[in-house]
C-alpha atoms as a PDB file:
ATOM      1  CA  UNK A   1     -10.979  -4.323 -11.641  1.00  0.00           C
ATOM      2  CA  UNK A   2     -10.357  -5.867  -8.096  1.00  0.00           C
ATOM      3  CA  UNK A   3     -11.717  -3.896  -5.303  1.00  0.00           C
ATOM      4  CA  UNK A   4     -12.470  -2.513  -2.996  1.00  0.00           C
ATOM      5  CA  UNK A   5     -10.414  -4.941  -0.887  1.00  0.00           C
ATOM      6  CA  UNK A   6      -9.578  -4.330   2.822  1.00  0.00           C
ATOM      7  CA  UNK A   7      -7.150  -6.400   4.742  1.00  0.00           C
ATOM      8  CA  UNK A   8      -6.283  -6.152   8.607  1.00  0.00           C
ATOM      9  CA  UNK A   9      -3.154  -7.330  10.467  1.00  0.00           C
ATOM     10  CA  UNK A  10      -2.737  -7.474  14.229  1.00  0.00           C
ATOM     11  CA  UNK A  11       0.770  -6.270  15.120  1.00  0.00           C
ATOM     12  CA  UNK A  12       2.495  -6.921  18.465  1.00  0.00           C
ATOM     13  CA  UNK A  13       4.207  -3.406  18.332  1.00  0.00           C
ATOM     14  CA  UNK A  14       3.012   0.069  19.184  1.00  0.00           C
ATOM     15  CA  UNK A  15       1.283   2.082  16.461  1.00  0.00           C
ATOM     16  CA  UNK A  16       4.024   4.743  16.335  1.00  0.00           C
ATOM     17  CA  UNK A  17       6.555   2.080  15.499  1.00  0.00           C
ATOM     18  CA  UNK A  18       4.296   0.821  12.676  1.00  0.00           C
ATOM     19  CA  UNK A  19       3.662   4.395  11.454  1.00  0.00           C
ATOM     20  CA  UNK A  20       7.319   5.097  11.196  1.00  0.00           C
ATOM     21  CA  UNK A  21       7.787   1.980   8.957  1.00  0.00           C
ATOM     22  CA  UNK A  22       4.846   2.598   6.661  1.00  0.00           C
ATOM     23  CA  UNK A  23       5.950   6.133   6.049  1.00  0.00           C
ATOM     24  CA  UNK A  24       9.466   5.243   5.443  1.00  0.00           C
ATOM     25  CA  UNK A  25       8.758   4.891   1.704  1.00  0.00           C
ATOM     26  CA  UNK A  26      12.394   4.794   0.558  1.00  0.00           C
ATOM     27  CA  UNK A  27      13.424   2.005   2.689  1.00  0.00           C
ATOM     28  CA  UNK A  28      10.167  -0.153   2.204  1.00  0.00           C
ATOM     29  CA  UNK A  29      12.184  -2.621  -0.080  1.00  0.00           C
ATOM     30  CA  UNK A  30      14.240  -3.608   2.867  1.00  0.00           C
ATOM     31  CA  UNK A  31      11.339  -5.042   4.767  1.00  0.00           C
ATOM     32  CA  UNK A  32       8.375  -5.594   2.309  1.00  0.00           C
ATOM     33  CA  UNK A  33       9.307  -8.560   0.067  1.00  0.00           C
ATOM     34  CA  UNK A  34       6.959  -7.607  -2.660  1.00  0.00           C
ATOM     35  CA  UNK A  35       8.719  -4.404  -3.364  1.00  0.00           C
ATOM     36  CA  UNK A  36      11.788  -4.716  -5.562  1.00  0.00           C
ATOM     37  CA  UNK A  37      12.730  -0.915  -5.480  1.00  0.00           C
ATOM     38  CA  UNK A  38      11.554   2.556  -4.612  1.00  0.00           C
ATOM     39  CA  UNK A  39      12.831   5.728  -6.425  1.00  0.00           C
ATOM     40  CA  UNK A  40      11.662   8.849  -4.650  1.00  0.00           C
ATOM     41  CA  UNK A  41      10.413  11.626  -6.962  1.00  0.00           C
ATOM     42  CA  UNK A  42       9.389  14.417  -4.581  1.00  0.00           C
ATOM     43  CA  UNK A  43      12.634  15.447  -3.106  1.00  0.00           C
ATOM     44  CA  UNK A  44      13.624  15.328   0.713  1.00  0.00           C
ATOM     45  CA  UNK A  45      10.722  17.032   2.294  1.00  0.00           C
ATOM     46  CA  UNK A  46       8.858  15.344   5.093  1.00  0.00           C
ATOM     47  CA  UNK A  47       6.320  12.594   4.308  1.00  0.00           C
ATOM     48  CA  UNK A  48       2.932  14.309   3.412  1.00  0.00           C
ATOM     49  CA  UNK A  49       0.388  15.150   0.806  1.00  0.00           C
ATOM     50  CA  UNK A  50       2.365  15.478  -2.460  1.00  0.00           C
ATOM     51  CA  UNK A  51       5.056  12.777  -1.576  1.00  0.00           C
ATOM     52  CA  UNK A  52       5.640  10.896  -4.691  1.00  0.00           C
ATOM     53  CA  UNK A  53       7.739   7.749  -5.540  1.00  0.00           C
ATOM     54  CA  UNK A  54       8.075   5.142  -8.244  1.00  0.00           C
ATOM     55  CA  UNK A  55       7.647   1.700  -6.851  1.00  0.00           C
ATOM     56  CA  UNK A  56       8.705  -1.508  -8.594  1.00  0.00           C
ATOM     57  CA  UNK A  57       7.025  -4.735  -7.596  1.00  0.00           C
ATOM     58  CA  UNK A  58       6.800  -8.295  -8.837  1.00  0.00           C
ATOM     59  CA  UNK A  59       3.144  -8.652 -10.100  1.00  0.00           C
ATOM     60  CA  UNK A  60       1.936 -11.752 -11.602  1.00  0.00           C
ATOM     61  CA  UNK A  61       5.621 -12.896 -12.265  1.00  0.00           C
ATOM     62  CA  UNK A  62       6.607  -9.710 -13.987  1.00  0.00           C
ATOM     63  CA  UNK A  63       8.280  -6.494 -12.611  1.00  0.00           C
ATOM     64  CA  UNK A  64       5.826  -3.580 -12.816  1.00  0.00           C
ATOM     65  CA  UNK A  65       6.275   0.094 -11.774  1.00  0.00           C
ATOM     66  CA  UNK A  66       3.882   2.731 -10.709  1.00  0.00           C
ATOM     67  CA  UNK A  67       4.129   6.282  -9.652  1.00  0.00           C
ATOM     68  CA  UNK A  68       2.398   6.746  -6.443  1.00  0.00           C
ATOM     69  CA  UNK A  69       1.368   9.983  -4.846  1.00  0.00           C
ATOM     70  CA  UNK A  70       0.201  10.652  -1.293  1.00  0.00           C
ATOM     71  CA  UNK A  71      -3.223  12.339  -1.454  1.00  0.00           C
ATOM     72  CA  UNK A  72      -4.264  12.590   2.153  1.00  0.00           C
ATOM     73  CA  UNK A  73      -2.512  12.174   5.539  1.00  0.00           C
ATOM     74  CA  UNK A  74      -3.783  11.815   9.077  1.00  0.00           C
ATOM     75  CA  UNK A  75      -0.372  12.026  10.933  1.00  0.00           C
ATOM     76  CA  UNK A  76       0.239   8.974  13.016  1.00  0.00           C
ATOM     77  CA  UNK A  77      -2.997   7.206  11.733  1.00  0.00           C
ATOM     78  CA  UNK A  78      -3.344   6.935   8.041  1.00  0.00           C
ATOM     79  CA  UNK A  79      -2.485   7.994   4.544  1.00  0.00           C
ATOM     80  CA  UNK A  80      -3.903   7.643   1.108  1.00  0.00           C
ATOM     81  CA  UNK A  81      -2.182   7.270  -2.291  1.00  0.00           C
ATOM     82  CA  UNK A  82      -3.232   7.336  -5.895  1.00  0.00           C
ATOM     83  CA  UNK A  83      -1.626   5.885  -8.958  1.00  0.00           C
ATOM     84  CA  UNK A  84      -2.694   6.102 -12.645  1.00  0.00           C
ATOM     85  CA  UNK A  85      -2.078   3.239 -15.107  1.00  0.00           C
ATOM     86  CA  UNK A  86      -3.661   3.885 -18.472  1.00  0.00           C
ATOM     87  CA  UNK A  87      -7.232   4.465 -17.875  1.00  0.00           C
ATOM     88  CA  UNK A  88      -7.262   2.801 -14.372  1.00  0.00           C
ATOM     89  CA  UNK A  89      -6.788   4.809 -11.193  1.00  0.00           C
ATOM     90  CA  UNK A  90      -5.617   2.874  -8.163  1.00  0.00           C
ATOM     91  CA  UNK A  91      -6.326   4.242  -4.738  1.00  0.00           C
ATOM     92  CA  UNK A  92      -4.901   2.844  -1.519  1.00  0.00           C
ATOM     93  CA  UNK A  93      -5.082   3.672   2.217  1.00  0.00           C
ATOM     94  CA  UNK A  94      -2.687   2.476   4.949  1.00  0.00           C
ATOM     95  CA  UNK A  95      -3.900   2.950   8.565  1.00  0.00           C
ATOM     96  CA  UNK A  96      -2.757   1.931  12.020  1.00  0.00           C
ATOM     97  CA  UNK A  97      -4.777   1.940  15.085  1.00  0.00           C
ATOM     98  CA  UNK A  98      -3.503   1.325  18.611  1.00  0.00           C
ATOM     99  CA  UNK A  99      -4.772  -1.906  20.249  1.00  0.00           C
ATOM    100  CA  UNK A 100      -3.526  -1.478  23.820  1.00  0.00           C
ATOM    101  CA  UNK A 101      -0.119  -0.205  24.818  1.00  0.00           C
ATOM    102  CA  UNK A 102       2.166  -2.427  22.836  1.00  0.00           C
ATOM    103  CA  UNK A 103      -0.050  -3.619  19.923  1.00  0.00           C
ATOM    104  CA  UNK A 104      -1.772  -2.203  16.918  1.00  0.00           C
ATOM    105  CA  UNK A 105      -3.850  -3.064  14.025  1.00  0.00           C
ATOM    106  CA  UNK A 106      -2.581  -2.292  10.497  1.00  0.00           C
ATOM    107  CA  UNK A 107      -5.114  -1.853   7.728  1.00  0.00           C
ATOM    108  CA  UNK A 108      -4.764  -1.721   4.025  1.00  0.00           C
ATOM    109  CA  UNK A 109      -7.607  -0.622   1.735  1.00  0.00           C
ATOM    110  CA  UNK A 110      -7.254  -0.887  -2.070  1.00  0.00           C
ATOM    111  CA  UNK A 111      -9.464   0.060  -5.040  1.00  0.00           C
ATOM    112  CA  UNK A 112      -9.206   0.235  -8.833  1.00  0.00           C
ATOM    113  CA  UNK A 113     -11.583   2.481 -10.976  1.00  0.00           C
ATOM    114  CA  UNK A 114     -11.528   2.157 -14.785  1.00  0.00           C
ATOM    115  CA  UNK A 115     -12.763   4.934 -16.945  1.00  0.00           C
ATOM    116  CA  UNK A 116     -14.720   4.375 -20.146  1.00  0.00           C
ATOM    117  CA  UNK A 117     -17.532   1.812 -20.696  1.00  0.00           C
ATOM    118  CA  UNK A 118     -15.446  -0.856 -22.384  1.00  0.00           C
ATOM    119  CA  UNK A 119     -12.717  -0.562 -19.787  1.00  0.00           C
ATOM    120  CA  UNK A 120     -15.269  -0.842 -16.935  1.00  0.00           C
ATOM    121  CA  UNK A 121     -16.732  -4.021 -18.511  1.00  0.00           C
ATOM    122  CA  UNK A 122     -13.425  -5.611 -19.151  1.00  0.00           C
ATOM    123  CA  UNK A 123     -12.294  -4.591 -15.739  1.00  0.00           C
ATOM    124  CA  UNK A 124     -15.357  -6.224 -14.017  1.00  0.00           C
ATOM    125  CA  UNK A 125     -14.354  -9.512 -15.709  1.00  0.00           C
ATOM    126  CA  UNK A 126     -10.647  -9.264 -15.172  1.00  0.00           C
ATOM    127  CA  UNK A 127     -11.060  -7.959 -11.739  1.00  0.00           C
ATOM    128  CA  UNK A 128     -12.633 -11.059 -10.330  1.00  0.00           C
ATOM    129  CA  UNK A 129      -9.718 -13.130 -11.642  1.00  0.00           C
ATOM    130  CA  UNK A 130      -7.131 -10.753 -10.212  1.00  0.00           C
ATOM    131  CA  UNK A 131      -8.854 -10.047  -6.761  1.00  0.00           C
ATOM    132  CA  UNK A 132      -7.548 -13.217  -5.130  1.00  0.00           C
ATOM    133  CA  UNK A 133      -3.904 -12.457  -6.277  1.00  0.00           C
ATOM    134  CA  UNK A 134      -4.258  -8.813  -5.158  1.00  0.00           C
ATOM    135  CA  UNK A 135      -5.562  -9.859  -1.736  1.00  0.00           C
ATOM    136  CA  UNK A 136      -2.729 -12.284  -1.247  1.00  0.00           C
ATOM    137  CA  UNK A 137      -0.031  -9.652  -2.196  1.00  0.00           C
ATOM    138  CA  UNK A 138      -1.652  -7.191   0.187  1.00  0.00           C
ATOM    139  CA  UNK A 139      -1.703  -9.659   3.057  1.00  0.00           C
ATOM    140  CA  UNK A 140       1.983 -10.431   2.430  1.00  0.00           C
ATOM    141  CA  UNK A 141       2.777  -6.698   2.666  1.00  0.00           C
ATOM    142  CA  UNK A 142       1.054  -6.388   5.943  1.00  0.00           C
ATOM    143  CA  UNK A 143       2.766  -9.538   7.394  1.00  0.00           C
ATOM    144  CA  UNK A 144       6.116  -8.169   6.289  1.00  0.00           C
ATOM    145  CA  UNK A 145       5.494  -4.854   7.916  1.00  0.00           C
ATOM    146  CA  UNK A 146       4.275  -6.513  11.176  1.00  0.00           C
ATOM    147  CA  UNK A 147       7.328  -8.631  11.244  1.00  0.00           C
ATOM    148  CA  UNK A 148       9.585  -5.698  10.818  1.00  0.00           C
ATOM    149  CA  UNK A 149       7.708  -3.610  13.464  1.00  0.00           C
ATOM    150  CA  UNK A 150       7.807  -6.503  15.897  1.00  0.00           C
ATOM    151  CA  UNK A 151      11.529  -6.926  15.474  1.00  0.00           C
ATOM    152  CA  UNK A 152      11.991  -3.285  16.441  1.00  0.00           C
ATOM    153  CA  UNK A 153      10.341  -3.590  19.844  1.00  0.00           C
END
């Protein structure tokens, strides 16, 4: 499995503007080009631990959907999610740090963990192949978020 991978993106917008975008899950398809659709599964409550949605993306030329669940939140700073696909658990963390008054640094961390010896062995081989593509997808997400944040300031 690919991972762990961590990508950083400088953003010419305040951290609170970036935070409002990265936690507006329902509207992410409007500004993240890799996301085709989002279906909220957890109701109308405020973003936090337990927020759940189905995210559909184009991955390696095909549409793929995963159910994402928020597992941790540091309000205004970071949140972590988890998704399960077969015997693979995907975890990710989005965080934003102020970098002066009108700038910030956006970071995405991603990891995948397979269970079972055969899955771990296969994952190690396939993961190296997928790592470059995964990194490129992550970087594009961050660029899209940065552009959306910068257009709002």
